[in-house]
Amino acid sequence: MFETTTAPPRPDEVRLFDVHAVAQFLSCSTRHVYRLADSGRMPRPRKLGVLVRWDRLELEKWLAAGCPASADSPCPAEKGEIGADGR
């Protein structure tokens, strides 16, 4: 009778991004996205079981703020705890 088709959501309607969507959003490679996340230089992803997703709104706020390192960055140099001379 009736055939219902749903169009895929527009990128601005999607709340959670996978690594490929984040890479496209940031114009970089997926490997670079993982490097940024692992070093704490971008918002941490959410883990949904085995899935890894980033919140689009957090990414937009992070970009608007000038891409600061996360407060929980594991790298002391990025938080200003280590000087340029390594001490």
N, C-alpha and C. Protein backbone atom coordinates (compact mmCIF):
# COMPACT_ATOMS: atom_id res chain seq x y z
N MET A 1 0.81 -1.18 0.00
CA MET A 1 0.00 0.00 0.00
C MET A 1 0.86 1.26 0.00
N PHE A 2 1.18 1.71 1.21
CA PHE A 2 2.00 2.90 1.31
C PHE A 2 3.43 2.51 1.60
N GLU A 3 4.29 3.11 0.87
CA GLU A 3 5.71 2.86 1.10
C GLU A 3 6.29 4.08 1.80
N THR A 4 6.77 3.86 2.99
CA THR A 4 7.32 4.96 3.77
C THR A 4 8.83 4.95 3.65
N THR A 5 9.36 6.04 3.23
CA THR A 5 10.81 6.17 3.18
C THR A 5 11.19 7.37 4.02
N THR A 6 12.27 7.22 4.72
CA THR A 6 12.76 8.34 5.52
C THR A 6 14.11 8.75 4.97
N ALA A 7 14.25 10.01 4.80
CA ALA A 7 15.52 10.54 4.30
C ALA A 7 16.53 10.52 5.45
N PRO A 8 17.79 10.33 5.14
CA PRO A 8 18.79 10.37 6.21
C PRO A 8 18.80 11.77 6.82
N PRO A 9 19.09 11.86 8.12
CA PRO A 9 19.08 13.17 8.77
C PRO A 9 20.17 14.07 8.20
N ARG A 10 19.88 15.35 8.18
CA ARG A 10 20.88 16.33 7.73
C ARG A 10 21.98 16.40 8.78
N PRO A 11 23.21 16.76 8.37
CA PRO A 11 24.31 16.84 9.34
C PRO A 11 24.03 17.76 10.52
N ASP A 12 23.27 18.83 10.31
CA ASP A 12 22.98 19.74 11.42
C ASP A 12 21.91 19.19 12.36
N GLU A 13 21.27 18.07 12.00
CA GLU A 13 20.27 17.45 12.85
C GLU A 13 20.85 16.30 13.68
N VAL A 14 22.02 15.81 13.30
CA VAL A 14 22.64 14.69 13.99
C VAL A 14 23.34 15.21 15.24
N ARG A 15 23.07 14.60 16.39
CA ARG A 15 23.66 15.07 17.64
C ARG A 15 24.99 14.37 17.94
N LEU A 16 25.11 13.09 17.62
CA LEU A 16 26.34 12.34 17.90
C LEU A 16 27.05 12.00 16.59
N PHE A 17 28.34 12.30 16.55
CA PHE A 17 29.16 12.04 15.37
C PHE A 17 30.06 10.84 15.61
N ASP A 18 30.22 10.00 14.57
CA ASP A 18 31.25 8.98 14.64
C ASP A 18 32.56 9.61 14.19
N VAL A 19 33.64 8.84 14.22
CA VAL A 19 34.95 9.40 13.91
C VAL A 19 35.03 9.94 12.49
N HIS A 20 34.32 9.32 11.56
CA HIS A 20 34.35 9.79 10.18
C HIS A 20 33.65 11.14 10.05
N ALA A 21 32.54 11.31 10.75
CA ALA A 21 31.83 12.59 10.72
C ALA A 21 32.64 13.68 11.39
N VAL A 22 33.33 13.35 12.49
CA VAL A 22 34.18 14.34 13.17
C VAL A 22 35.33 14.75 12.26
N ALA A 23 35.95 13.78 11.59
CA ALA A 23 37.05 14.09 10.68
C ALA A 23 36.58 15.01 9.55
N GLN A 24 35.41 14.74 9.03
CA GLN A 24 34.87 15.60 7.98
C GLN A 24 34.55 16.98 8.54
N PHE A 25 33.97 17.04 9.74
CA PHE A 25 33.62 18.28 10.40
C PHE A 25 34.86 19.15 10.65
N LEU A 26 35.99 18.50 11.02
CA LEU A 26 37.23 19.22 11.32
C LEU A 26 38.17 19.32 10.13
N SER A 27 37.80 18.72 9.02
CA SER A 27 38.65 18.69 7.81
C SER A 27 40.03 18.09 8.10
N CYS A 28 40.01 16.91 8.71
CA CYS A 28 41.26 16.22 8.99
C CYS A 28 41.02 14.71 8.83
N SER A 29 42.05 13.93 9.11
CA SER A 29 41.91 12.48 8.99
C SER A 29 41.30 11.88 10.26
N THR A 30 40.80 10.67 10.14
CA THR A 30 40.25 9.99 11.30
C THR A 30 41.36 9.72 12.31
N ARG A 31 42.55 9.41 11.84
CA ARG A 31 43.69 9.16 12.73
C ARG A 31 43.99 10.41 13.55
N HIS A 32 43.91 11.57 12.93
CA HIS A 32 44.18 12.82 13.66
C HIS A 32 43.11 13.05 14.73
N VAL A 33 41.87 12.71 14.44
CA VAL A 33 40.80 12.83 15.44
C VAL A 33 41.14 11.98 16.66
N TYR A 34 41.55 10.74 16.44
CA TYR A 34 41.92 9.87 17.56
C TYR A 34 43.12 10.43 18.32
N ARG A 35 44.09 10.99 17.61
CA ARG A 35 45.26 11.58 18.28
C ARG A 35 44.84 12.75 19.16
N LEU A 36 43.97 13.62 18.63
CA LEU A 36 43.49 14.76 19.42
C LEU A 36 42.75 14.28 20.66
N ALA A 37 41.89 13.30 20.50
CA ALA A 37 41.11 12.78 21.63
C ALA A 37 42.01 12.09 22.65
N ASP A 38 42.94 11.28 22.19
CA ASP A 38 43.84 10.55 23.10
C ASP A 38 44.73 11.48 23.89
N SER A 39 45.11 12.62 23.31
CA SER A 39 46.00 13.55 23.99
C SER A 39 45.23 14.58 24.82
N GLY A 40 43.90 14.53 24.77
CA GLY A 40 43.10 15.46 25.56
C GLY A 40 42.99 16.84 24.94
N ARG A 41 43.29 16.96 23.67
CA ARG A 41 43.27 18.26 23.00
C ARG A 41 41.93 18.56 22.35
N MET A 42 40.95 17.69 22.56
CA MET A 42 39.60 17.94 22.07
C MET A 42 38.63 17.30 23.05
N PRO A 43 37.35 17.61 22.95
CA PRO A 43 36.39 16.97 23.86
C PRO A 43 36.46 15.45 23.77
N ARG A 44 36.32 14.81 24.91
CA ARG A 44 36.35 13.35 24.97
C ARG A 44 35.10 12.77 24.31
N PRO A 45 35.26 11.63 23.64
CA PRO A 45 34.08 10.98 23.04
C PRO A 45 33.26 10.27 24.10
N ARG A 46 32.05 9.95 23.75
CA ARG A 46 31.16 9.13 24.58
C ARG A 46 31.29 7.70 24.09
N LYS A 47 31.30 6.76 25.00
CA LYS A 47 31.34 5.36 24.62
C LYS A 47 29.98 4.76 24.88
N LEU A 48 29.39 4.23 23.83
CA LEU A 48 28.08 3.58 23.89
C LEU A 48 28.29 2.13 23.53
N GLY A 49 28.60 1.32 24.54
CA GLY A 49 28.96 -0.07 24.27
C GLY A 49 30.30 -0.08 23.56
N VAL A 50 30.32 -0.62 22.35
CA VAL A 50 31.56 -0.64 21.57
C VAL A 50 31.67 0.58 20.65
N LEU A 51 30.62 1.39 20.60
CA LEU A 51 30.63 2.56 19.73
C LEU A 51 31.29 3.75 20.40
N VAL A 52 31.97 4.57 19.62
CA VAL A 52 32.60 5.80 20.10
C VAL A 52 31.97 6.95 19.33
N ARG A 53 31.41 7.91 20.07
CA ARG A 53 30.72 9.03 19.44
C ARG A 53 31.08 10.34 20.13
N TRP A 54 31.13 11.42 19.35
CA TRP A 54 31.37 12.75 19.87
C TRP A 54 30.09 13.56 19.77
N ASP A 55 29.85 14.39 20.77
CA ASP A 55 28.68 15.26 20.80
C ASP A 55 28.95 16.46 19.89
N ARG A 56 28.10 16.64 18.90
CA ARG A 56 28.28 17.73 17.94
C ARG A 56 28.29 19.09 18.62
N LEU A 57 27.40 19.29 19.61
CA LEU A 57 27.33 20.58 20.29
C LEU A 57 28.61 20.87 21.06
N GLU A 58 29.20 19.85 21.70
CA GLU A 58 30.48 20.04 22.39
C GLU A 58 31.57 20.41 21.41
N LEU A 59 31.58 19.77 20.25
CA LEU A 59 32.59 20.09 19.23
C LEU A 59 32.42 21.52 18.73
N GLU A 60 31.18 21.95 18.53
CA GLU A 60 30.95 23.32 18.06
C GLU A 60 31.41 24.34 19.11
N LYS A 61 31.13 24.07 20.39
CA LYS A 61 31.57 24.97 21.47
C LYS A 61 33.10 25.00 21.54
N TRP A 62 33.72 23.83 21.39
CA TRP A 62 35.17 23.73 21.43
C TRP A 62 35.79 24.53 20.29
N LEU A 63 35.24 24.43 19.10
CA LEU A 63 35.74 25.22 17.97
C LEU A 63 35.54 26.71 18.19
N ALA A 64 34.37 27.09 18.70
CA ALA A 64 34.08 28.51 18.95
C ALA A 64 35.02 29.09 20.00
N ALA A 65 35.48 28.26 20.93
CA ALA A 65 36.39 28.71 21.99
C ALA A 65 37.85 28.72 21.54
N GLY A 66 38.10 28.35 20.29
CA GLY A 66 39.47 28.37 19.78
C GLY A 66 40.22 27.07 19.96
N CYS A 67 39.51 25.98 20.17
CA CYS A 67 40.10 24.64 20.29
C CYS A 67 41.07 24.50 21.47
N PRO A 68 40.66 24.91 22.68
CA PRO A 68 41.56 24.76 23.82
C PRO A 68 41.71 23.29 24.23
N ALA A 69 42.83 22.97 24.87
CA ALA A 69 43.02 21.61 25.39
C ALA A 69 42.01 21.38 26.50
N SER A 70 41.56 20.15 26.64
CA SER A 70 40.61 19.81 27.69
C SER A 70 41.26 19.98 29.06
N ALA A 71 40.45 20.26 30.07
CA ALA A 71 40.96 20.42 31.42
C ALA A 71 41.55 19.13 31.95
N ASP A 72 41.07 17.99 31.44
CA ASP A 72 41.58 16.69 31.89
C ASP A 72 42.65 16.14 30.95
N SER A 73 43.35 17.04 30.26
CA SER A 73 44.40 16.62 29.34
C SER A 73 45.49 15.86 30.07
N PRO A 74 45.87 14.68 29.57
CA PRO A 74 46.90 13.91 30.24
C PRO A 74 48.30 14.46 30.03
N CYS A 75 48.44 15.43 29.17
CA CYS A 75 49.75 15.97 28.84
C CYS A 75 50.03 17.21 29.70
N PRO A 76 50.94 17.14 30.68
CA PRO A 76 51.20 18.27 31.57
C PRO A 76 51.69 19.51 30.82
N ALA A 77 52.41 19.33 29.72
CA ALA A 77 52.93 20.48 28.97
C ALA A 77 51.79 21.32 28.40
N GLU A 78 50.71 20.67 28.01
CA GLU A 78 49.58 21.39 27.44
C GLU A 78 48.79 22.17 28.50
N LYS A 79 48.91 21.73 29.76
CA LYS A 79 48.21 22.42 30.84
C LYS A 79 49.08 23.49 31.49
N GLY A 80 50.31 23.67 30.99
CA GLY A 80 51.19 24.68 31.55
C GLY A 80 51.94 24.21 32.79
N GLU A 81 51.91 22.91 33.09
CA GLU A 81 52.58 22.40 34.28
C GLU A 81 54.07 22.19 34.04
N ILE A 82 54.49 22.13 32.79
CA ILE A 82 55.89 21.94 32.45
C ILE A 82 56.29 23.11 31.56
N GLY A 83 57.42 23.70 31.86
CA GLY A 83 57.90 24.82 31.07
C GLY A 83 58.52 24.36 29.77
N ALA A 84 58.93 25.31 28.95
CA ALA A 84 59.51 24.99 27.65
C ALA A 84 60.82 24.20 27.78
N ASP A 85 61.50 24.36 28.94
CA ASP A 85 62.76 23.63 29.14
C ASP A 85 62.54 22.21 29.67
N GLY A 86 61.26 21.81 29.85
CA GLY A 86 60.95 20.46 30.28
C GLY A 86 60.86 20.28 31.79
N ARG A 87 60.98 21.39 32.54
CA ARG A 87 60.91 21.30 34.01
C ARG A 87 59.66 21.94 34.54
